[in-house]
C-alpha atoms as a PDB file:
ATOM      1  CA  MET A   1      23.455  -4.591 -54.029  1.00  0.00           C
ATOM      2  CA  ASN A   2      20.446  -5.567 -56.117  1.00  0.00           C
ATOM      3  CA  GLU A   3      19.206  -2.004 -56.205  1.00  0.00           C
ATOM      4  CA  PHE A   4      22.405  -0.934 -57.965  1.00  0.00           C
ATOM      5  CA  ASN A   5      22.505  -3.806 -60.453  1.00  0.00           C
ATOM      6  CA  ASN A   6      19.318  -2.609 -62.147  1.00  0.00           C
ATOM      7  CA  LYS A   7      20.717   0.849 -62.920  1.00  0.00           C
ATOM      8  CA  ASN A   8      22.717   1.841 -65.958  1.00  0.00           C
ATOM      9  CA  LYS A   9      26.147   3.422 -65.826  1.00  0.00           C
ATOM     10  CA  ASP A  10      24.912   7.035 -66.069  1.00  0.00           C
ATOM     11  CA  GLU A  11      22.452   6.560 -63.212  1.00  0.00           C
ATOM     12  CA  LEU A  12      25.187   5.006 -61.088  1.00  0.00           C
ATOM     13  CA  LYS A  13      27.518   7.921 -61.767  1.00  0.00           C
ATOM     14  CA  LYS A  14      24.803  10.406 -60.737  1.00  0.00           C
ATOM     15  CA  LEU A  15      24.162   8.376 -57.601  1.00  0.00           C
ATOM     16  CA  LEU A  16      27.888   8.336 -56.846  1.00  0.00           C
ATOM     17  CA  VAL A  17      28.035  12.131 -57.073  1.00  0.00           C
ATOM     18  CA  GLU A  18      25.041  12.407 -54.731  1.00  0.00           C
ATOM     19  CA  LYS A  19      26.554   9.999 -52.188  1.00  0.00           C
ATOM     20  CA  ARG A  20      29.902  11.793 -52.237  1.00  0.00           C
ATOM     21  CA  LYS A  21      28.116  15.127 -51.726  1.00  0.00           C
ATOM     22  CA  ALA A  22      26.206  13.623 -48.787  1.00  0.00           C
ATOM     23  CA  LEU A  23      29.475  12.413 -47.242  1.00  0.00           C
ATOM     24  CA  HIS A  24      31.035  15.847 -47.763  1.00  0.00           C
ATOM     25  CA  ASP A  25      28.069  17.527 -46.068  1.00  0.00           C
ATOM     26  CA  PHE A  26      28.210  15.015 -43.226  1.00  0.00           C
ATOM     27  CA  ARG A  27      31.887  15.742 -42.591  1.00  0.00           C
ATOM     28  CA  PHE A  28      31.265  19.475 -42.353  1.00  0.00           C
ATOM     29  CA  ALA A  29      28.238  18.974 -40.105  1.00  0.00           C
ATOM     30  CA  PHE A  30      30.241  16.598 -37.922  1.00  0.00           C
ATOM     31  CA  ALA A  31      33.066  19.114 -37.579  1.00  0.00           C
ATOM     32  CA  GLY A  32      30.505  21.763 -36.670  1.00  0.00           C
ATOM     33  CA  GLY A  33      28.959  19.541 -34.015  1.00  0.00           C
ATOM     34  CA  LYS A  34      25.549  19.403 -35.697  1.00  0.00           C
ATOM     35  CA  VAL A  35      25.395  15.624 -36.244  1.00  0.00           C
ATOM     36  CA  LYS A  36      23.193  13.459 -34.048  1.00  0.00           C
ATOM     37  CA  ASN A  37      23.738  10.144 -35.874  1.00  0.00           C
ATOM     38  CA  VAL A  38      27.469   9.478 -36.195  1.00  0.00           C
ATOM     39  CA  LYS A  39      26.884   6.213 -38.093  1.00  0.00           C
ATOM     40  CA  GLU A  40      25.707   8.272 -41.064  1.00  0.00           C
ATOM     41  CA  GLY A  41      29.284   8.764 -42.251  1.00  0.00           C
ATOM     42  CA  LYS A  42      30.060   5.055 -42.139  1.00  0.00           C
ATOM     43  CA  ASN A  43      26.875   4.271 -44.053  1.00  0.00           C
ATOM     44  CA  ALA A  44      27.687   6.902 -46.666  1.00  0.00           C
ATOM     45  CA  ARG A  45      31.158   5.434 -47.220  1.00  0.00           C
ATOM     46  CA  LYS A  46      29.673   1.960 -47.592  1.00  0.00           C
ATOM     47  CA  ASP A  47      27.102   3.223 -50.094  1.00  0.00           C
ATOM     48  CA  ILE A  48      29.869   4.845 -52.132  1.00  0.00           C
ATOM     49  CA  ALA A  49      31.780   1.556 -52.127  1.00  0.00           C
ATOM     50  CA  ARG A  50      28.656  -0.313 -53.255  1.00  0.00           C
ATOM     51  CA  VAL A  51      28.113   2.071 -56.164  1.00  0.00           C
ATOM     52  CA  LEU A  52      31.761   1.846 -57.203  1.00  0.00           C
ATOM     53  CA  THR A  53      31.560  -1.947 -57.040  1.00  0.00           C
ATOM     54  CA  ALA A  54      28.445  -1.951 -59.237  1.00  0.00           C
ATOM     55  CA  ILE A  55      30.210   0.266 -61.789  1.00  0.00           C
ATOM     56  CA  SER A  56      33.238  -2.043 -61.795  1.00  0.00           C
ATOM     57  CA  MET A  57      31.047  -5.110 -62.237  1.00  0.00           C
ATOM     58  CA  GLN A  58      29.324  -3.516 -65.226  1.00  0.00           C
ATOM     59  CA  ASN A  59      32.686  -2.647 -66.755  1.00  0.00           C
ATOM     60  CA  LEU A  60      33.880  -6.232 -66.301  1.00  0.00           C
ATOM     61  CA  LYS A  61      30.694  -7.615 -67.855  1.00  0.00           C
ATOM     62  CA  ASN A  62      31.075  -5.283 -70.840  1.00  0.00           C
ATOM     63  CA  LYS A  63      34.703  -6.302 -71.342  1.00  0.00           C
ATOM     64  CA  ALA A  64      33.849  -9.985 -71.028  1.00  0.00           C
ATOM     65  CA  ALA A  65      31.013  -9.622 -73.527  1.00  0.00           C
ATOM     66  CA  ALA A  66      33.328  -7.861 -75.966  1.00  0.00           C
ATOM     67  CA  VAL A  67      36.020 -10.531 -75.658  1.00  0.00           C
ATOM     68  CA  SER A  68      33.816 -13.655 -75.662  1.00  0.00           C
ATOM     69  CA  PRO A  69      32.432 -13.443 -79.224  1.00  0.00           C
ATOM     70  CA  ALA A  70      35.885 -12.815 -80.677  1.00  0.00           C
ATOM     71  CA  THR A  71      37.333 -15.998 -79.171  1.00  0.00           C
ATOM     72  CA  LYS A  72      34.625 -18.306 -80.547  1.00  0.00           C
END
């Protein structure tokens, strides 16, 4: 998770697109019987979830930062 916390929102979105493309390619390779490592799909889904979580955490931090000064 630390590797995703250091990236900005644009980098995370690019990474998300790459991970989703990798999962898409895995699914087609799996259907074609060309996959040797079947855990690849599970790892890709987990990576996508990690990236989405990092994006959500950044959004929450930005909202909290925007709200905090106004309440003081």
